[in-house]
């Protein structure tokens, strides 16, 4: 706008299209996956090619669980892990837990449990 609040005239050749982001590839799947909802929420399990027990020893897959440090949250995580183990007939090979900080709207301390099966 000029001082008179009158738009400046533009020539057609002066205009060039701009792009704020790269166009999305419609053929690829999203790299964002929703977590939560628990078992029975209609979430489909991912299918892997390798069998669960190739040699009968060692882990071939893992699943990560996270929880805040409250009694209710820790109880919910334990229930979720137990339901998952019962529903899938999982043979646990190893478990690892670590205290960390999960970044979101605000950083919060969390318990991160990795179950290798």
Protein backbone atom coordinates (compact mmCIF):
# COMPACT_ATOMS: atom_id res chain seq x y z
CA UNK A 1 0.00 0.00 0.00
CA UNK A 2 1.13 3.52 -0.72
CA UNK A 3 0.74 6.49 1.56
CA UNK A 4 -2.74 7.08 0.05
CA UNK A 5 -3.76 3.50 0.92
CA UNK A 6 -4.04 2.73 -2.77
CA UNK A 7 -2.62 -0.63 -3.90
CA UNK A 8 0.30 -0.50 -6.28
CA UNK A 9 -0.41 -1.83 -9.76
CA UNK A 10 1.52 -5.00 -10.55
CA UNK A 11 2.45 -6.38 -13.89
CA UNK A 12 1.50 -10.01 -14.53
CA UNK A 13 5.14 -10.96 -15.22
CA UNK A 14 6.19 -9.55 -11.81
CA UNK A 15 4.15 -12.21 -10.04
CA UNK A 16 5.75 -15.55 -9.25
CA UNK A 17 4.16 -18.36 -7.28
CA UNK A 18 5.55 -19.09 -3.87
CA UNK A 19 5.46 -22.29 -1.87
CA UNK A 20 5.49 -22.46 1.91
CA UNK A 21 6.16 -26.19 2.06
CA UNK A 22 7.14 -29.05 -0.14
CA UNK A 23 4.09 -30.74 -1.66
CA UNK A 24 3.13 -33.95 0.09
CA UNK A 25 3.72 -37.21 -1.74
CA UNK A 26 0.22 -38.65 -1.89
CA UNK A 27 1.56 -42.16 -2.47
CA UNK A 28 3.53 -42.44 0.78
CA UNK A 29 2.12 -43.14 4.20
CA UNK A 30 2.42 -40.66 7.03
CA UNK A 31 5.44 -40.91 9.29
CA UNK A 32 3.30 -39.73 12.23
CA UNK A 33 1.74 -42.53 14.21
CA UNK A 34 -0.73 -42.14 17.06
CA UNK A 35 0.09 -43.83 20.33
CA UNK A 36 -2.35 -44.62 23.07
CA UNK A 37 -5.91 -45.71 22.98
CA UNK A 38 -4.83 -49.03 24.45
CA UNK A 39 -5.83 -52.47 23.31
CA UNK A 40 -9.24 -52.82 21.76
CA UNK A 41 -9.25 -49.25 20.45
CA UNK A 42 -9.27 -50.50 16.86
CA UNK A 43 -5.53 -50.11 16.35
CA UNK A 44 -4.12 -52.64 13.92
CA UNK A 45 -0.86 -54.39 14.76
CA UNK A 46 2.03 -53.86 12.37
CA UNK A 47 3.03 -56.99 10.48
CA UNK A 48 6.71 -57.93 10.30
CA UNK A 49 8.34 -60.42 7.93
CA UNK A 50 10.68 -62.17 10.35
CA UNK A 51 9.29 -64.89 12.64
CA UNK A 52 9.17 -64.29 16.37
CA UNK A 53 11.65 -67.06 17.26
CA UNK A 54 14.14 -67.72 14.49
CA UNK A 55 16.57 -69.77 16.61
CA UNK A 56 14.44 -70.12 19.74
CA UNK A 57 16.64 -67.71 21.71
CA UNK A 58 17.05 -63.97 21.79
CA UNK A 59 14.63 -61.15 21.11
CA UNK A 60 13.38 -60.27 17.65
CA UNK A 61 11.09 -57.32 18.47
CA UNK A 62 10.56 -54.66 21.09
CA UNK A 63 7.73 -52.47 22.34
CA UNK A 64 8.14 -49.24 24.30
CA UNK A 65 5.79 -48.09 27.06
CA UNK A 66 5.89 -44.67 28.75
CA UNK A 67 4.32 -43.35 31.92
CA UNK A 68 4.35 -40.29 34.12
CA UNK A 69 5.51 -40.67 37.71
CA UNK A 70 2.14 -40.89 39.42
CA UNK A 71 0.64 -43.94 41.09
CA UNK A 72 -2.36 -43.96 38.74
CA UNK A 73 -0.16 -43.62 35.62
CA UNK A 74 2.22 -46.37 36.73
CA UNK A 75 -0.73 -48.67 37.53
CA UNK A 76 -2.21 -47.96 34.10
CA UNK A 77 1.10 -48.77 32.39
CA UNK A 78 1.38 -52.05 34.32
CA UNK A 79 -2.19 -52.97 33.33
CA UNK A 80 -1.48 -52.09 29.68
CA UNK A 81 1.67 -54.23 29.61
CA UNK A 82 -0.12 -57.17 31.27
CA UNK A 83 -3.09 -56.94 28.87
CA UNK A 84 -0.72 -56.82 25.88
CA UNK A 85 1.24 -59.84 27.15
CA UNK A 86 -1.95 -61.85 27.71
CA UNK A 87 -3.62 -60.89 24.42
CA UNK A 88 -0.63 -61.57 22.18
CA UNK A 89 0.83 -64.64 23.96
CA UNK A 90 4.17 -62.82 24.18
CA UNK A 91 7.33 -64.51 25.47
CA UNK A 92 9.38 -61.76 27.12
CA UNK A 93 13.14 -62.01 26.51
CA UNK A 94 14.36 -58.88 28.30
CA UNK A 95 13.07 -55.66 29.86
CA UNK A 96 14.82 -52.33 30.13
CA UNK A 97 13.60 -49.28 32.03
CA UNK A 98 14.99 -45.78 32.16
CA UNK A 99 13.96 -42.48 33.72
CA UNK A 100 13.86 -39.66 31.21
CA UNK A 101 12.14 -36.49 30.14
CA UNK A 102 9.44 -36.56 27.48
CA UNK A 103 9.12 -33.36 25.49
CA UNK A 104 5.63 -32.20 24.62
CA UNK A 105 3.77 -29.00 25.47
CA UNK A 106 6.02 -29.04 28.50
CA UNK A 107 8.89 -31.28 29.54
CA UNK A 108 7.82 -33.92 32.06
CA UNK A 109 9.77 -36.68 33.79
CA UNK A 110 8.71 -40.12 32.65
CA UNK A 111 9.41 -43.80 33.04
CA UNK A 112 10.27 -45.47 29.74
CA UNK A 113 10.00 -49.27 29.65
CA UNK A 114 11.23 -51.32 26.67
CA UNK A 115 10.03 -54.92 26.46
CA UNK A 116 12.07 -57.15 24.16
CA UNK A 117 10.28 -60.25 22.89
